[in-house]
Protein backbone atom coordinates (compact mmCIF):
# COMPACT_ATOMS: atom_id res chain seq x y z
CA MET A 1 0.00 0.00 0.00
CA LEU A 2 1.39 3.39 -0.97
CA VAL A 3 1.39 5.89 1.87
CA ARG A 4 1.13 9.50 0.78
CA GLU A 5 3.51 11.62 2.86
CA THR A 6 2.04 14.93 1.79
CA SER A 7 -0.86 16.21 -0.20
CA PHE A 8 0.70 19.57 -0.93
CA PRO A 9 1.62 19.99 -4.60
CA SER A 10 5.34 20.04 -5.32
CA SER A 11 4.91 23.52 -6.76
CA ILE A 12 4.19 24.83 -3.26
CA HIS A 13 7.34 23.20 -1.89
CA ARG A 14 9.34 24.95 -4.60
CA ALA A 15 7.91 28.38 -3.69
CA LYS A 16 10.89 29.22 -1.50
CA GLY A 17 10.03 32.91 -1.31
CA LEU A 18 6.42 32.42 -0.20
CA ARG A 19 5.53 34.99 2.47
CA SER A 20 1.95 34.04 3.43
CA LEU A 21 0.30 30.63 3.71
CA LEU A 22 -3.40 30.10 4.42
CA ILE A 23 -4.68 26.58 5.06
CA GLY A 24 -7.90 27.57 6.76
CA LYS A 25 -10.67 25.22 7.91
CA SER A 26 -8.97 22.07 6.64
CA ARG A 27 -10.46 18.91 8.14
CA ASP A 28 -8.04 16.58 6.32
CA SER A 29 -6.24 14.06 8.53
CA TRP A 30 -3.04 14.27 6.48
CA LEU A 31 -2.39 17.90 7.36
CA GLY A 32 -0.36 17.21 10.53
CA ALA A 33 1.92 14.80 8.68
CA ALA A 34 2.34 17.14 5.75
CA LEU A 35 3.36 20.26 7.63
CA PRO A 36 6.88 19.30 8.87
CA GLY A 37 8.24 18.90 5.35
CA LEU A 38 6.53 22.08 4.25
CA PHE A 39 7.99 24.10 7.11
CA LYS A 40 11.50 22.92 6.24
CA GLN A 41 11.10 24.24 2.70
CA LEU A 42 9.16 27.50 3.13
CA THR A 43 11.41 29.23 5.63
CA CYS A 44 10.58 32.71 4.33
CA ILE A 45 6.96 32.62 5.51
CA ARG A 46 5.91 35.70 7.46
CA SER A 47 2.26 34.80 8.03
CA LEU A 48 0.84 31.32 8.69
CA ASN A 49 -2.91 30.80 9.01
CA LEU A 50 -4.22 27.38 10.06
CA SER A 51 -7.45 28.70 11.57
CA GLY A 52 -10.34 26.26 11.78
CA SER A 53 -8.26 23.21 10.88
CA SER A 54 -8.48 19.84 12.64
CA ILE A 55 -4.78 19.70 13.46
CA GLU A 56 -4.03 18.25 16.92
CA GLU A 57 -0.50 19.58 17.37
CA ILE A 58 1.85 21.99 15.68
CA PRO A 59 5.00 20.12 14.59
CA LYS A 60 8.31 21.14 16.14
CA GLU A 61 9.54 22.08 12.65
CA VAL A 62 7.57 25.31 13.01
CA GLY A 63 10.78 26.60 14.63
CA LYS A 64 12.32 26.62 11.15
CA LEU A 65 10.09 29.55 10.20
CA ILE A 66 12.47 32.05 11.71
CA HIS A 67 10.94 34.97 9.82
CA LEU A 68 7.38 34.23 10.97
CA ARG A 69 5.51 37.29 12.26
CA HIS A 70 1.92 36.06 12.53
CA LEU A 71 0.64 32.63 13.60
CA ASN A 72 -3.14 32.23 13.44
CA LEU A 73 -4.57 29.07 15.04
CA ASN A 74 -8.00 30.51 15.77
CA SER A 75 -10.73 27.86 16.19
CA CYS A 76 -8.37 24.87 15.93
CA ARG A 77 -10.59 23.09 18.42
CA GLU A 78 -8.65 19.81 18.42
CA LEU A 79 -5.26 21.41 18.99
CA VAL A 80 -3.79 20.07 22.24
CA SER A 81 -0.23 21.40 22.23
CA LEU A 82 2.27 23.86 20.88
CA PRO A 83 5.97 22.89 20.71
CA GLU A 84 8.71 24.46 22.80
CA THR A 85 10.52 25.25 19.53
CA ILE A 86 8.14 28.18 19.30
CA CYS A 87 10.89 30.09 21.12
CA ASP A 88 12.91 30.02 17.87
CA LEU A 89 10.34 32.33 16.29
CA CYS A 90 12.27 35.37 17.43
CA HIS A 91 10.33 37.76 15.16
CA LEU A 92 6.83 36.53 16.05
CA GLN A 93 4.48 39.44 16.69
CA SER A 94 1.05 37.81 16.98
CA LEU A 95 -0.17 34.46 18.28
CA ASP A 96 -3.90 33.66 18.09
CA VAL A 97 -5.28 30.56 19.84
CA ILE A 98 -8.81 31.87 20.40
CA LEU A 99 -11.39 29.06 20.61
CA CYS A 100 -8.69 26.37 20.82
CA TRP A 101 -10.74 24.51 23.41
CA SER A 102 -8.38 21.52 23.75
CA LEU A 103 -5.27 23.62 24.34
CA GLN A 104 -4.68 23.51 28.11
CA GLU A 105 -1.51 25.56 28.37
CA LEU A 106 0.97 27.65 26.45
CA PRO A 107 4.54 26.38 26.17
CA ARG A 108 7.00 27.85 28.65
CA ALA A 109 9.00 29.09 25.68
CA THR A 110 6.25 31.63 24.96
CA VAL A 111 7.88 34.03 27.41
CA LYS A 112 10.98 34.17 25.17
CA LEU A 113 9.01 35.78 22.34
CA ILE A 114 10.09 39.26 23.37
CA LYS A 115 8.80 40.87 20.18
CA LEU A 116 5.29 39.49 20.67
CA ARG A 117 2.69 42.25 20.43
CA HIS A 118 -0.61 40.37 20.32
CA LEU A 119 -1.41 37.29 22.40
CA CYS A 120 -5.04 36.23 21.90
CA ILE A 121 -6.24 33.32 24.04
CA ILE A 122 -9.82 34.18 25.01
CA GLU A 123 -12.24 31.23 25.06
CA SER A 124 -9.42 28.73 24.74
CA GLY A 125 -8.67 25.93 27.18
CA VAL A 126 -5.58 27.72 28.55
CA SER A 127 -6.03 27.67 32.32
CA PHE A 128 -2.99 29.68 33.43
CA MET A 129 -0.35 32.02 32.07
CA PRO A 130 3.26 30.79 31.85
CA LYS A 131 5.61 32.16 34.48
CA GLY A 132 7.80 34.92 33.08
CA ILE A 133 5.15 36.57 30.93
CA GLU A 134 6.28 39.85 32.46
CA ARG A 135 9.19 39.76 29.99
CA LEU A 136 6.83 40.39 27.08
CA THR A 137 6.92 44.15 27.48
CA CYS A 138 6.07 44.72 23.81
CA LEU A 139 2.60 43.25 24.29
CA ARG A 140 -0.19 45.48 23.02
CA THR A 141 -2.95 42.84 23.23
CA LEU A 142 -3.49 40.36 26.05
CA ASP A 143 -7.17 39.53 25.95
CA CYS A 144 -7.25 37.06 28.86
CA PHE A 145 -5.21 36.40 32.01
CA SER A 146 -6.14 33.27 33.97
CA VAL A 147 -5.03 33.17 37.58
CA CYS A 148 -3.80 29.73 38.59
CA GLY A 149 -5.79 28.27 41.45
CA GLY A 150 -2.96 26.12 42.77
CA GLY A 151 -2.46 22.44 42.10
CA GLU A 152 0.12 20.88 39.83
CA ASN A 153 0.44 23.95 37.60
CA GLU A 154 1.20 26.44 40.35
CA SER A 155 4.99 26.21 40.01
CA LYS A 156 4.92 27.11 36.32
CA ALA A 157 2.12 29.67 36.42
CA ALA A 158 2.43 33.46 36.43
CA ASN A 159 0.66 35.47 39.10
CA LEU A 160 -1.09 38.81 38.75
CA ARG A 161 1.95 40.84 39.71
CA GLU A 162 3.53 39.89 36.36
CA LEU A 163 1.12 42.34 34.75
CA LYS A 164 2.98 45.18 36.45
CA ASN A 165 5.29 46.11 33.57
CA LEU A 166 2.86 45.31 30.75
CA ASP A 167 1.62 48.88 30.58
CA HIS A 168 1.17 48.87 26.80
CA ILE A 169 -1.62 46.28 26.74
CA GLY A 170 -4.85 47.78 25.52
CA GLY A 171 -8.26 46.98 24.16
CA SER A 172 -10.01 44.25 26.17
CA LEU A 173 -8.74 42.20 29.10
CA VAL A 174 -10.52 39.42 30.99
CA ILE A 175 -9.03 38.32 34.31
CA ARG A 176 -10.37 34.90 35.29
CA ASN A 177 -10.38 32.81 38.45
CA LEU A 178 -9.83 35.64 40.94
CA GLN A 179 -9.65 34.21 44.44
CA GLY A 180 -7.82 34.18 47.76
CA GLY A 181 -4.12 34.70 48.24
CA GLY A 182 -3.91 37.33 45.54
CA LYS A 183 -4.32 40.66 47.35
CA GLU A 184 -0.66 41.66 47.16
CA ASP A 185 -0.34 40.35 43.62
CA ALA A 186 -3.42 42.32 42.56
CA ALA A 187 -2.00 45.52 44.01
CA GLU A 188 1.31 44.93 42.23
CA ALA A 189 -0.48 44.39 38.90
CA LEU A 190 -1.15 48.15 38.71
CA LEU A 191 -4.12 47.86 36.38
CA LYS A 192 -4.73 51.58 36.79
CA ASN A 193 -1.55 52.23 34.79
CA LYS A 194 -2.86 50.35 31.73
CA LYS A 195 -4.08 53.54 30.07
CA ARG A 196 -4.88 51.82 26.76
CA LEU A 197 -7.42 49.44 28.31
CA PHE A 198 -11.00 50.32 27.43
CA CYS A 199 -12.75 47.06 28.36
CA LEU A 200 -12.17 45.00 31.53
CA GLU A 201 -13.90 41.89 32.87
CA LEU A 202 -13.16 40.71 36.41
CA ASN A 203 -14.27 37.12 36.80
CA PHE A 204 -14.19 35.76 40.35
CA CYS A 205 -13.96 32.12 41.32
CA VAL A 206 -17.29 30.78 42.63
CA ASN A 207 -18.48 33.93 44.37
CA TYR A 208 -15.24 34.73 46.11
CA GLU A 209 -15.91 37.37 48.78
CA ASP A 210 -12.64 39.26 49.21
CA ASP A 211 -13.45 42.98 48.93
CA ILE A 212 -9.79 43.88 49.65
CA LEU A 213 -8.69 41.93 46.59
CA PHE A 214 -11.41 43.63 44.56
CA GLU A 215 -10.38 47.11 45.73
CA ALA A 216 -6.78 46.42 44.65
CA LEU A 217 -7.89 45.75 41.06
CA GLN A 218 -8.57 49.40 40.31
CA PRO A 219 -8.60 49.93 36.52
CA PRO A 220 -7.58 53.07 34.61
CA SER A 221 -10.00 55.97 34.97
CA ASP A 222 -10.61 56.08 31.19
CA LEU A 223 -12.20 52.61 31.14
CA GLU A 224 -15.30 52.43 28.92
CA ILE A 225 -16.68 48.91 29.57
CA LEU A 226 -16.64 47.01 32.87
CA THR A 227 -18.04 43.55 33.66
CA ILE A 228 -17.95 41.96 37.11
CA ARG A 229 -18.85 38.28 37.43
CA ARG A 230 -19.39 36.09 40.49
CA TYR A 231 -18.12 38.52 43.08
CA GLY A 232 -19.39 37.19 46.40
CA GLY A 233 -18.81 40.23 48.57
CA ILE A 234 -21.40 42.67 49.87
CA VAL A 235 -19.74 45.96 48.99
CA LEU A 236 -18.57 47.07 45.56
CA PRO A 237 -15.23 48.92 45.36
CA ASN A 238 -15.01 52.69 45.79
CA TRP A 239 -13.11 53.16 42.53
CA MET A 240 -16.22 52.36 40.48
CA MET A 241 -17.53 55.88 41.01
CA ALA A 242 -14.32 57.35 39.56
CA LEU A 243 -14.86 55.75 36.14
CA THR A 244 -16.33 58.89 34.62
CA ARG A 245 -15.92 57.67 31.02
CA LEU A 246 -17.62 54.34 31.62
CA GLN A 247 -20.24 53.62 28.95
CA GLU A 248 -21.25 50.04 29.73
CA LEU A 249 -21.49 48.28 33.09
CA GLN A 250 -22.51 44.70 33.86
CA LEU A 251 -22.89 43.03 37.25
CA VAL A 252 -23.44 39.29 36.80
CA ALA A 253 -24.01 36.67 39.54
CA CYS A 254 -23.01 39.05 42.37
CA VAL A 255 -25.51 37.35 44.66
CA ASN A 256 -24.56 39.06 47.94
CA VAL A 257 -24.63 42.64 46.68
CA GLU A 258 -27.86 44.06 48.11
CA VAL A 259 -27.13 47.78 47.88
CA LEU A 260 -25.90 49.38 44.68
CA PRO A 261 -23.66 52.42 44.56
CA PRO A 262 -25.20 55.54 43.00
CA PHE A 263 -24.41 54.60 39.40
CA GLU A 264 -26.25 57.74 38.34
CA ARG A 265 -23.00 59.57 39.07
CA LEU A 266 -21.43 57.96 36.01
CA PRO A 267 -22.12 60.71 33.48
CA ASN A 268 -21.39 58.69 30.32
CA LEU A 269 -23.09 55.42 31.24
CA GLU A 270 -25.20 54.25 28.29
CA SER A 271 -25.86 50.60 29.14
CA LEU A 272 -26.45 48.96 32.54
CA LYS A 273 -27.05 45.25 33.08
CA LEU A 274 -27.88 43.69 36.45
CA LYS A 275 -28.12 39.90 36.32
CA GLY A 276 -28.28 37.61 39.34
CA VAL A 277 -27.61 40.42 41.83
CA GLY A 278 -28.95 40.20 45.39
CA VAL A 279 -30.76 43.55 45.33
CA ARG A 280 -34.10 43.58 47.14
CA ARG A 281 -35.10 47.13 46.32
CA LEU A 282 -34.20 49.83 43.83
CA ASP A 283 -34.89 52.91 45.88
CA ALA A 284 -34.10 56.59 45.82
CA GLY A 285 -30.43 55.85 46.49
CA PHE A 286 -30.21 54.01 43.18
CA VAL A 287 -30.74 57.27 41.31
CA GLY A 288 -29.13 59.57 43.87
CA ILE A 289 -32.38 61.19 45.06
CA GLU A 290 -31.35 60.88 48.71
CA GLU A 291 -28.34 63.05 47.98
CA VAL A 292 -30.62 65.72 46.57
CA GLU A 293 -32.80 65.60 49.67
CA ASN A 294 -29.76 66.11 51.87
CA ALA A 295 -28.27 68.90 49.79
CA ASN A 296 -27.58 72.11 51.73
CA ASN A 297 -25.98 74.21 49.01
CA ILE A 298 -29.12 75.35 47.16
CA ASN A 299 -29.53 79.10 47.63
CA GLU A 300 -32.95 80.51 48.34
CA GLY A 301 -34.87 81.23 45.19
CA GLU A 302 -32.65 79.10 42.99
CA ILE A 303 -33.82 76.04 41.04
CA ALA A 304 -31.35 73.16 40.91
CA ARG A 305 -31.50 70.89 37.87
CA VAL A 306 -30.52 67.31 38.71
CA THR A 307 -30.19 64.65 36.01
CA ALA A 308 -29.65 61.03 37.02
CA PHE A 309 -28.36 58.59 34.39
CA PRO A 310 -28.20 61.39 31.80
CA LYS A 311 -27.05 59.15 28.92
CA LEU A 312 -28.50 55.77 29.84
CA LYS A 313 -30.15 54.21 26.79
CA THR A 314 -30.34 50.49 27.68
CA LEU A 315 -31.25 48.93 31.03
CA ARG A 316 -31.39 45.16 31.52
CA ILE A 317 -32.54 43.61 34.80
CA LYS A 318 -32.48 39.81 34.89
CA PHE A 319 -32.78 37.11 37.54
CA LEU A 320 -33.11 39.55 40.44
CA SER A 321 -35.08 36.96 42.36
CA LYS A 322 -35.21 39.07 45.55
CA LEU A 323 -36.27 42.33 43.95
CA GLU A 324 -39.73 43.38 45.14
CA GLU A 325 -39.83 47.16 44.85
CA TRP A 326 -38.61 49.70 42.35
CA ASP A 327 -39.46 53.03 43.88
CA GLY A 328 -40.51 56.19 42.13
CA ILE A 329 -39.48 59.61 43.37
CA GLU A 330 -42.69 61.41 44.20
CA ARG A 331 -42.63 60.44 47.89
CA ARG A 332 -38.88 60.80 48.13
CA VAL A 333 -38.59 64.51 47.42
CA GLY A 334 -39.73 66.60 50.36
CA GLU A 335 -41.94 69.63 50.01
CA GLU A 336 -39.10 71.87 51.04
CA HIS A 337 -37.31 70.97 47.83
CA ALA A 338 -40.32 70.69 45.56
CA THR A 339 -39.91 74.23 44.20
CA THR A 340 -36.12 74.40 44.29
CA THR A 341 -35.15 71.13 42.64
CA SER A 342 -35.96 69.91 39.16
CA ILE A 343 -35.18 66.19 38.82
CA PHE A 344 -34.77 64.29 35.56
CA ILE A 345 -34.14 60.54 35.60
CA MET A 346 -33.05 58.44 32.63
CA PRO A 347 -34.15 61.06 30.08
CA GLN A 348 -32.69 59.04 27.17
CA LEU A 349 -33.77 55.52 28.15
CA GLN A 350 -34.85 53.65 25.00
CA GLN A 351 -34.72 49.94 25.87
CA LEU A 352 -35.80 48.27 29.09
CA GLU A 353 -35.57 44.50 29.50
CA ILE A 354 -36.80 42.81 32.66
CA ALA A 355 -36.59 39.02 32.96
CA HIS A 356 -37.21 36.49 35.73
CA CYS A 357 -37.90 39.08 38.42
CA THR A 358 -40.86 37.18 39.81
CA LEU A 359 -41.43 39.36 42.89
CA LEU A 360 -41.25 42.77 41.23
CA ARG A 361 -44.65 44.44 41.51
CA ALA A 362 -44.46 47.69 39.57
CA LEU A 363 -42.35 50.06 37.50
CA PRO A 364 -41.54 53.57 38.73
CA ASP A 365 -43.13 56.62 37.13
CA TYR A 366 -39.81 57.96 35.85
CA VAL A 367 -39.29 54.80 33.77
CA LEU A 368 -42.79 54.97 32.37
CA ALA A 369 -42.18 58.60 31.44
CA ALA A 370 -38.91 57.84 29.64
CA PRO A 371 -38.80 57.83 25.80
CA LEU A 372 -38.87 54.03 25.68
CA GLN A 373 -38.91 52.37 22.27
CA LEU A 374 -38.85 48.80 23.59
CA LEU A 375 -40.16 47.22 26.78
CA HIS A 376 -39.44 43.49 26.98
CA VAL A 377 -40.75 41.61 30.02
CA THR A 378 -40.14 37.87 30.53
CA ASP A 379 -41.38 35.70 33.42
CA CYS A 380 -42.48 38.57 35.64
CA PRO A 381 -46.04 37.56 36.62
CA ASN A 382 -46.76 40.64 38.73
CA LEU A 383 -45.75 43.02 35.95
CA ARG A 384 -47.78 41.08 33.39
CA LYS A 385 -50.81 41.26 35.66
CA ARG A 386 -50.38 44.98 36.23
CA TYR A 387 -49.51 46.15 32.72
CA GLY A 388 -50.46 43.35 30.35
CA LYS A 389 -53.04 44.35 27.77
CA GLU A 390 -54.54 40.88 27.57
CA GLU A 391 -55.27 41.04 31.31
CA LYS A 392 -57.22 44.26 30.70
CA SER A 393 -55.30 45.84 33.52
CA GLU A 394 -55.94 49.37 34.67
CA ASP A 395 -52.31 50.37 34.16
CA TRP A 396 -51.99 49.24 30.53
CA HIS A 397 -52.47 52.83 29.39
CA LYS A 398 -49.22 53.78 31.19
CA ILE A 399 -47.17 51.78 28.68
CA SER A 400 -49.44 52.05 25.65
CA HIS A 401 -47.30 54.85 24.18
CA ILE A 402 -44.25 52.54 23.88
CA PRO A 403 -43.83 51.44 20.22
CA GLU A 404 -42.85 47.84 21.04
CA VAL A 405 -44.04 46.03 24.17
CA ILE A 406 -43.37 42.31 24.63
CA PHE A 407 -44.64 40.17 27.51
CA ARG A 408 -43.57 36.54 27.74
């Protein structure tokens, strides 16, 4: 039986000066066996794209591609390993292993790629960062940093403090598996110095409760998008109110957080999502009304204009299983301020989505008065009963002006 060593045409092997090679989405089993010979011949390649292929490992001969700048392995879901010879790729600038689900770790030699600018590993199987990643000071993109939770990989895993000198990383960063023992490392990471970051996700390990660790993870003040997942503490960090350029905020599975900071202070916030948060009541403090009531600096005869959530366009509230009340403001503003204070709340709100808030009884007047274009309510029996048209409820008219109303 004749065994075919390669299925690449000989003409490709003779293309010694080839600079770019794309073998995308190949499901052929011969690919892994064919690549070593190809790599030995095409040593001038600058860009290699194997994205979507079924290859299980990259052959060690990849080290022969000494001029390689870009290695794209995106969506190689069966890829289980990269060779240590990757350290021979001294000119490599980008490495993409996004969606490589079977890849459990990066080779230790990755930290020798001192010219690496873009390391993309989000949604891969990589469970920790190799120790020494702090050497990669040219990095501009590091989309995910997984904190090692101990075990057999602890000795070869980087800790958070290795982010300290990576001040050029920008764009989006997800930090996963935040947990105990990392307070000092978190402080040393100096996230606030990463001025090019605009999107940050802090992902805690199974509702970890350490508020000191959380406080130490202060991001740069110019951050635009912030997501917090599975934080188990009661109090959110003070630095959140300093993110004056924040446009999008998500709190997900923060089950012990019962009182929210006055997010209305965030002047550029356009999207707010609360999912699985332990809030029992959205009261006047949620929109900063209590601060208005306590204000002492309004001169006699003056009218103060207060706008809460001035740019908020989208509000999503999901799985707030404890939420019963969402207060309006009419009984929160005292008569002594009724003629001196003009209050506007969510004047640009266009989309409101409420799902699986089974105890919530009513919506506040300021929401009903907002310029809503979409109201989407799912599995909220009390709201359906109060506002649903099919129930012929008395309060249907309060939402009848909204162009699109969906109850499910």
